[in-house]
Amino acid sequence: EVLDLTITPSSTNTTTASACDSYVWAVNNQSYATSGTYTHVVGCVTEVLNLTITPSSTNTTTASSCDSYTWAVNGTTYSASGTYTHVVGCVTEELNLTITPSSTNTTTASACDSYVWAVNNQSYAASGTYSHVVGCVTEVLNLTITPSSTNTTTASNCDSYVWAANNQ
């Protein structure tokens, strides 16, 4: 009797993997949704999968800004409204951004003694340039204040008098 014997040494191949939500193992085309250690044996070869599954998540930030906005998540400056995403690992950061262009309105005014600015209902008694910001709008007041004065004329006359200030 003849024994024709073939001895094949056994072997083990180990794969370590991380994935978000699920992982398809190419060895057996199986999908796994749970962390763990999995094995698949074909003949004398044992395939081992050390798998870490992390659930994916989304964090949403809503922001409004004048002209531009720098998102702390990725350090990027945006100048247009829109929805932006940034993915790190299994976490998706989402930015819902509203950009409003800034504007400036200028009012030039002159008054005696004081002026009440309708923009903020403040009274001003000195000439100068004043500003008031609401949202993305800057209101500017260029104000000239002139102190009022009174001139007194003392006159005495019989029967009539013509006042030079108004010819009456």
C-alpha atoms as a PDB file:
ATOM      1  CA  GLU A   1       0.000   0.000   0.000  1.00  0.00           C
ATOM      2  CA  VAL A   2       1.143   3.429  -0.916  1.00  0.00           C
ATOM      3  CA  LEU A   3       0.122   6.474   0.968  1.00  0.00           C
ATOM      4  CA  ASP A   4       0.328   9.632  -1.065  1.00  0.00           C
ATOM      5  CA  LEU A   5       0.056  12.261   1.633  1.00  0.00           C
ATOM      6  CA  THR A   6       0.140  16.018   1.272  1.00  0.00           C
ATOM      7  CA  ILE A   7       0.503  18.047   4.422  1.00  0.00           C
ATOM      8  CA  THR A   8      -0.381  21.699   4.118  1.00  0.00           C
ATOM      9  CA  PRO A   9       0.714  23.908   6.973  1.00  0.00           C
ATOM     10  CA  SER A  10      -2.102  25.931   8.422  1.00  0.00           C
ATOM     11  CA  SER A  11      -1.847  29.693   8.380  1.00  0.00           C
ATOM     12  CA  THR A  12      -3.682  32.645   9.805  1.00  0.00           C
ATOM     13  CA  ASN A  13      -4.097  36.027   8.172  1.00  0.00           C
ATOM     14  CA  THR A  14      -5.313  38.843  10.381  1.00  0.00           C
ATOM     15  CA  THR A  15      -7.037  41.996   9.153  1.00  0.00           C
ATOM     16  CA  THR A  16      -7.633  44.938  11.488  1.00  0.00           C
ATOM     17  CA  ALA A  17     -10.252  47.390  10.260  1.00  0.00           C
ATOM     18  CA  SER A  18     -12.273  50.376  11.423  1.00  0.00           C
ATOM     19  CA  ALA A  19     -15.398  51.673   9.723  1.00  0.00           C
ATOM     20  CA  CYS A  20     -18.388  53.916  10.211  1.00  0.00           C
ATOM     21  CA  ASP A  21     -21.716  52.084  10.622  1.00  0.00           C
ATOM     22  CA  SER A  22     -20.804  48.892   8.690  1.00  0.00           C
ATOM     23  CA  TYR A  23     -17.949  47.045   6.973  1.00  0.00           C
ATOM     24  CA  VAL A  24     -17.913  44.563   4.084  1.00  0.00           C
ATOM     25  CA  TRP A  25     -15.136  41.992   4.536  1.00  0.00           C
ATOM     26  CA  ALA A  26     -13.654  41.137   1.135  1.00  0.00           C
ATOM     27  CA  VAL A  27     -12.709  37.623   2.317  1.00  0.00           C
ATOM     28  CA  ASN A  28     -16.335  36.483   2.466  1.00  0.00           C
ATOM     29  CA  ASN A  29     -18.274  39.525   1.154  1.00  0.00           C
ATOM     30  CA  GLN A  30     -20.205  39.654   4.437  1.00  0.00           C
ATOM     31  CA  SER A  31     -21.379  42.970   5.893  1.00  0.00           C
ATOM     32  CA  TYR A  32     -20.752  43.558   9.610  1.00  0.00           C
ATOM     33  CA  ALA A  33     -22.415  46.302  11.683  1.00  0.00           C
ATOM     34  CA  THR A  34     -20.983  45.398  15.090  1.00  0.00           C
ATOM     35  CA  SER A  35     -17.449  45.600  16.438  1.00  0.00           C
ATOM     36  CA  GLY A  36     -15.847  42.247  17.160  1.00  0.00           C
ATOM     37  CA  THR A  37     -13.478  39.511  16.027  1.00  0.00           C
ATOM     38  CA  TYR A  38     -14.687  37.353  13.146  1.00  0.00           C
ATOM     39  CA  THR A  39     -13.113  34.273  11.518  1.00  0.00           C
ATOM     40  CA  HIS A  40     -13.484  32.572   8.162  1.00  0.00           C
ATOM     41  CA  VAL A  41     -11.736  29.251   7.406  1.00  0.00           C
ATOM     42  CA  VAL A  42     -11.010  27.959   3.904  1.00  0.00           C
ATOM     43  CA  GLY A  43      -8.949  24.774   3.866  1.00  0.00           C
ATOM     44  CA  CYS A  44      -5.981  25.329   6.108  1.00  0.00           C
ATOM     45  CA  VAL A  45      -6.155  29.130   6.004  1.00  0.00           C
ATOM     46  CA  THR A  46      -7.894  30.973   8.796  1.00  0.00           C
ATOM     47  CA  GLU A  47      -8.805  34.574   8.090  1.00  0.00           C
ATOM     48  CA  VAL A  48      -9.345  36.747  11.184  1.00  0.00           C
ATOM     49  CA  LEU A  49     -11.036  40.161  11.172  1.00  0.00           C
ATOM     50  CA  ASN A  50     -10.571  42.475  14.154  1.00  0.00           C
ATOM     51  CA  LEU A  51     -13.280  45.043  13.487  1.00  0.00           C
ATOM     52  CA  THR A  52     -14.174  48.339  15.162  1.00  0.00           C
ATOM     53  CA  ILE A  53     -17.484  49.901  14.092  1.00  0.00           C
ATOM     54  CA  THR A  54     -18.218  53.495  15.074  1.00  0.00           C
ATOM     55  CA  PRO A  55     -21.714  54.891  14.563  1.00  0.00           C
ATOM     56  CA  SER A  56     -21.738  57.955  12.346  1.00  0.00           C
ATOM     57  CA  SER A  57     -23.109  61.240  13.677  1.00  0.00           C
ATOM     58  CA  THR A  58     -23.871  64.742  12.422  1.00  0.00           C
ATOM     59  CA  ASN A  59     -23.457  68.012  14.318  1.00  0.00           C
ATOM     60  CA  THR A  60     -25.234  71.027  12.837  1.00  0.00           C
ATOM     61  CA  THR A  61     -24.252  74.656  13.425  1.00  0.00           C
ATOM     62  CA  THR A  62     -26.499  77.514  12.272  1.00  0.00           C
ATOM     63  CA  ALA A  63     -24.742  80.874  11.935  1.00  0.00           C
ATOM     64  CA  SER A  64     -25.349  84.371  10.573  1.00  0.00           C
ATOM     65  CA  SER A  65     -22.644  86.916   9.878  1.00  0.00           C
ATOM     66  CA  CYS A  66     -21.885  90.142   8.027  1.00  0.00           C
ATOM     67  CA  ASP A  67     -19.706  89.775   4.898  1.00  0.00           C
ATOM     68  CA  SER A  68     -17.841  86.577   5.924  1.00  0.00           C
ATOM     69  CA  TYR A  69     -17.668  83.825   8.553  1.00  0.00           C
ATOM     70  CA  THR A  70     -14.729  81.699   9.700  1.00  0.00           C
ATOM     71  CA  TRP A  71     -15.880  78.226  10.759  1.00  0.00           C
ATOM     72  CA  ALA A  72     -13.887  77.051  13.786  1.00  0.00           C
ATOM     73  CA  VAL A  73     -14.378  73.392  12.784  1.00  0.00           C
ATOM     74  CA  ASN A  74     -12.072  73.665   9.755  1.00  0.00           C
ATOM     75  CA  GLY A  75     -10.675  77.230   9.864  1.00  0.00           C
ATOM     76  CA  THR A  76     -12.231  78.057   6.485  1.00  0.00           C
ATOM     77  CA  THR A  77     -13.648  81.534   5.811  1.00  0.00           C
ATOM     78  CA  TYR A  78     -16.911  81.612   3.844  1.00  0.00           C
ATOM     79  CA  SER A  79     -18.327  84.717   2.131  1.00  0.00           C
ATOM     80  CA  ALA A  80     -21.522  83.218   0.681  1.00  0.00           C
ATOM     81  CA  SER A  81     -24.641  81.830   2.309  1.00  0.00           C
ATOM     82  CA  GLY A  82     -25.096  78.069   2.025  1.00  0.00           C
ATOM     83  CA  THR A  83     -24.771  74.681   3.694  1.00  0.00           C
ATOM     84  CA  TYR A  84     -21.227  73.411   4.136  1.00  0.00           C
ATOM     85  CA  THR A  85     -19.972  70.047   5.450  1.00  0.00           C
ATOM     86  CA  HIS A  86     -16.730  68.804   6.906  1.00  0.00           C
ATOM     87  CA  VAL A  87     -16.193  65.107   7.709  1.00  0.00           C
ATOM     88  CA  VAL A  88     -13.673  63.809  10.229  1.00  0.00           C
ATOM     89  CA  GLY A  89     -13.809  60.083  10.864  1.00  0.00           C
ATOM     90  CA  CYS A  90     -17.438  59.175  11.431  1.00  0.00           C
ATOM     91  CA  VAL A  91     -18.525  62.674  12.413  1.00  0.00           C
ATOM     92  CA  THR A  92     -20.062  65.018   9.851  1.00  0.00           C
ATOM     93  CA  GLU A  93     -20.033  68.680  10.821  1.00  0.00           C
ATOM     94  CA  GLU A  94     -22.644  70.744   8.977  1.00  0.00           C
ATOM     95  CA  LEU A  95     -22.786  74.542   8.773  1.00  0.00           C
ATOM     96  CA  ASN A  96     -26.011  76.312   7.764  1.00  0.00           C
ATOM     97  CA  LEU A  97     -24.707  79.802   7.033  1.00  0.00           C
ATOM     98  CA  THR A  98     -26.416  83.099   6.223  1.00  0.00           C
ATOM     99  CA  ILE A  99     -24.133  85.905   5.028  1.00  0.00           C
ATOM    100  CA  THR A 100     -25.509  89.457   4.842  1.00  0.00           C
ATOM    101  CA  PRO A 101     -23.479  92.124   3.047  1.00  0.00           C
ATOM    102  CA  SER A 102     -22.710  95.084   5.277  1.00  0.00           C
ATOM    103  CA  SER A 103     -23.839  98.563   4.248  1.00  0.00           C
ATOM    104  CA  THR A 104     -23.405 102.144   5.418  1.00  0.00           C
ATOM    105  CA  ASN A 105     -25.973 104.940   5.311  1.00  0.00           C
ATOM    106  CA  THR A 106     -24.725 108.496   5.866  1.00  0.00           C
ATOM    107  CA  THR A 107     -26.799 111.436   7.068  1.00  0.00           C
ATOM    108  CA  THR A 108     -25.431 114.980   7.001  1.00  0.00           C
ATOM    109  CA  ALA A 109     -27.251 117.428   9.282  1.00  0.00           C
ATOM    110  CA  SER A 110     -26.934 120.939  10.687  1.00  0.00           C
ATOM    111  CA  ALA A 111     -28.818 122.274  13.699  1.00  0.00           C
ATOM    112  CA  CYS A 112     -28.809 125.008  16.277  1.00  0.00           C
ATOM    113  CA  ASP A 113     -27.810 123.964  19.810  1.00  0.00           C
ATOM    114  CA  SER A 114     -28.783 120.259  19.566  1.00  0.00           C
ATOM    115  CA  TYR A 115     -29.988 117.554  17.177  1.00  0.00           C
ATOM    116  CA  VAL A 116     -32.039 114.401  17.814  1.00  0.00           C
ATOM    117  CA  TRP A 117     -30.977 111.629  15.444  1.00  0.00           C
ATOM    118  CA  ALA A 118     -34.016 109.565  14.406  1.00  0.00           C
ATOM    119  CA  VAL A 119     -31.858 106.443  13.933  1.00  0.00           C
ATOM    120  CA  ASN A 120     -31.264 106.026  17.676  1.00  0.00           C
ATOM    121  CA  ASN A 121     -33.335 108.848  19.251  1.00  0.00           C
ATOM    122  CA  GLN A 122     -30.185 110.289  20.833  1.00  0.00           C
ATOM    123  CA  SER A 123     -29.706 114.015  21.301  1.00  0.00           C
ATOM    124  CA  TYR A 124     -26.355 115.505  20.266  1.00  0.00           C
ATOM    125  CA  ALA A 125     -25.116 118.946  21.333  1.00  0.00           C
ATOM    126  CA  ALA A 126     -21.684 118.913  19.696  1.00  0.00           C
ATOM    127  CA  SER A 127     -20.552 118.789  16.098  1.00  0.00           C
ATOM    128  CA  GLY A 128     -18.921 115.542  15.033  1.00  0.00           C
ATOM    129  CA  THR A 129     -19.258 112.239  13.251  1.00  0.00           C
ATOM    130  CA  TYR A 130     -21.337 109.619  15.073  1.00  0.00           C
ATOM    131  CA  SER A 131     -22.134 106.024  14.173  1.00  0.00           C
ATOM    132  CA  HIS A 132     -24.758 103.490  15.168  1.00  0.00           C
ATOM    133  CA  VAL A 133     -24.598  99.822  14.088  1.00  0.00           C
ATOM    134  CA  VAL A 134     -27.616  97.534  13.849  1.00  0.00           C
ATOM    135  CA  GLY A 135     -26.941  94.103  12.394  1.00  0.00           C
ATOM    136  CA  CYS A 136     -24.899  94.606   9.249  1.00  0.00           C
ATOM    137  CA  VAL A 137     -25.972  98.229   8.691  1.00  0.00           C
ATOM    138  CA  THR A 138     -23.832 101.124   9.924  1.00  0.00           C
ATOM    139  CA  GLU A 139     -25.596 104.460  10.173  1.00  0.00           C
ATOM    140  CA  VAL A 140     -23.256 107.508  10.132  1.00  0.00           C
ATOM    141  CA  LEU A 141     -24.220 111.035  11.175  1.00  0.00           C
ATOM    142  CA  ASN A 142     -22.052 113.978  10.063  1.00  0.00           C
ATOM    143  CA  LEU A 143     -23.367 116.707  12.345  1.00  0.00           C
ATOM    144  CA  THR A 144     -22.698 120.422  12.541  1.00  0.00           C
ATOM    145  CA  ILE A 145     -24.068 122.159  15.645  1.00  0.00           C
ATOM    146  CA  THR A 146     -24.155 125.954  15.684  1.00  0.00           C
ATOM    147  CA  PRO A 147     -24.838 127.590  19.040  1.00  0.00           C
ATOM    148  CA  SER A 148     -27.789 129.934  18.831  1.00  0.00           C
ATOM    149  CA  SER A 149     -27.234 133.535  19.826  1.00  0.00           C
ATOM    150  CA  THR A 150     -29.407 136.438  20.822  1.00  0.00           C
ATOM    151  CA  ASN A 151     -28.563 140.051  20.096  1.00  0.00           C
ATOM    152  CA  THR A 152     -30.378 142.697  22.085  1.00  0.00           C
ATOM    153  CA  THR A 153     -30.781 146.209  20.804  1.00  0.00           C
ATOM    154  CA  THR A 154     -31.803 148.877  23.266  1.00  0.00           C
ATOM    155  CA  ALA A 155     -33.430 151.896  21.703  1.00  0.00           C
ATOM    156  CA  SER A 156     -35.515 154.819  22.734  1.00  0.00           C
ATOM    157  CA  ASN A 157     -37.288 157.125  20.382  1.00  0.00           C
ATOM    158  CA  CYS A 158     -40.323 159.320  20.268  1.00  0.00           C
ATOM    159  CA  ASP A 159     -43.347 158.381  18.173  1.00  0.00           C
ATOM    160  CA  SER A 160     -41.719 155.760  15.893  1.00  0.00           C
ATOM    161  CA  TYR A 161     -38.627 153.669  15.376  1.00  0.00           C
ATOM    162  CA  VAL A 162     -37.346 151.632  12.401  1.00  0.00           C
ATOM    163  CA  TRP A 163     -35.433 148.606  13.530  1.00  0.00           C
ATOM    164  CA  ALA A 164     -32.523 147.907  11.217  1.00  0.00           C
ATOM    165  CA  ALA A 165     -32.745 144.133  11.770  1.00  0.00           C
ATOM    166  CA  ASN A 166     -36.033 143.863   9.881  1.00  0.00           C
ATOM    167  CA  ASN A 167     -36.634 147.364   8.483  1.00  0.00           C
ATOM    168  CA  GLN A 168     -39.916 147.702  10.374  1.00  0.00           C
END
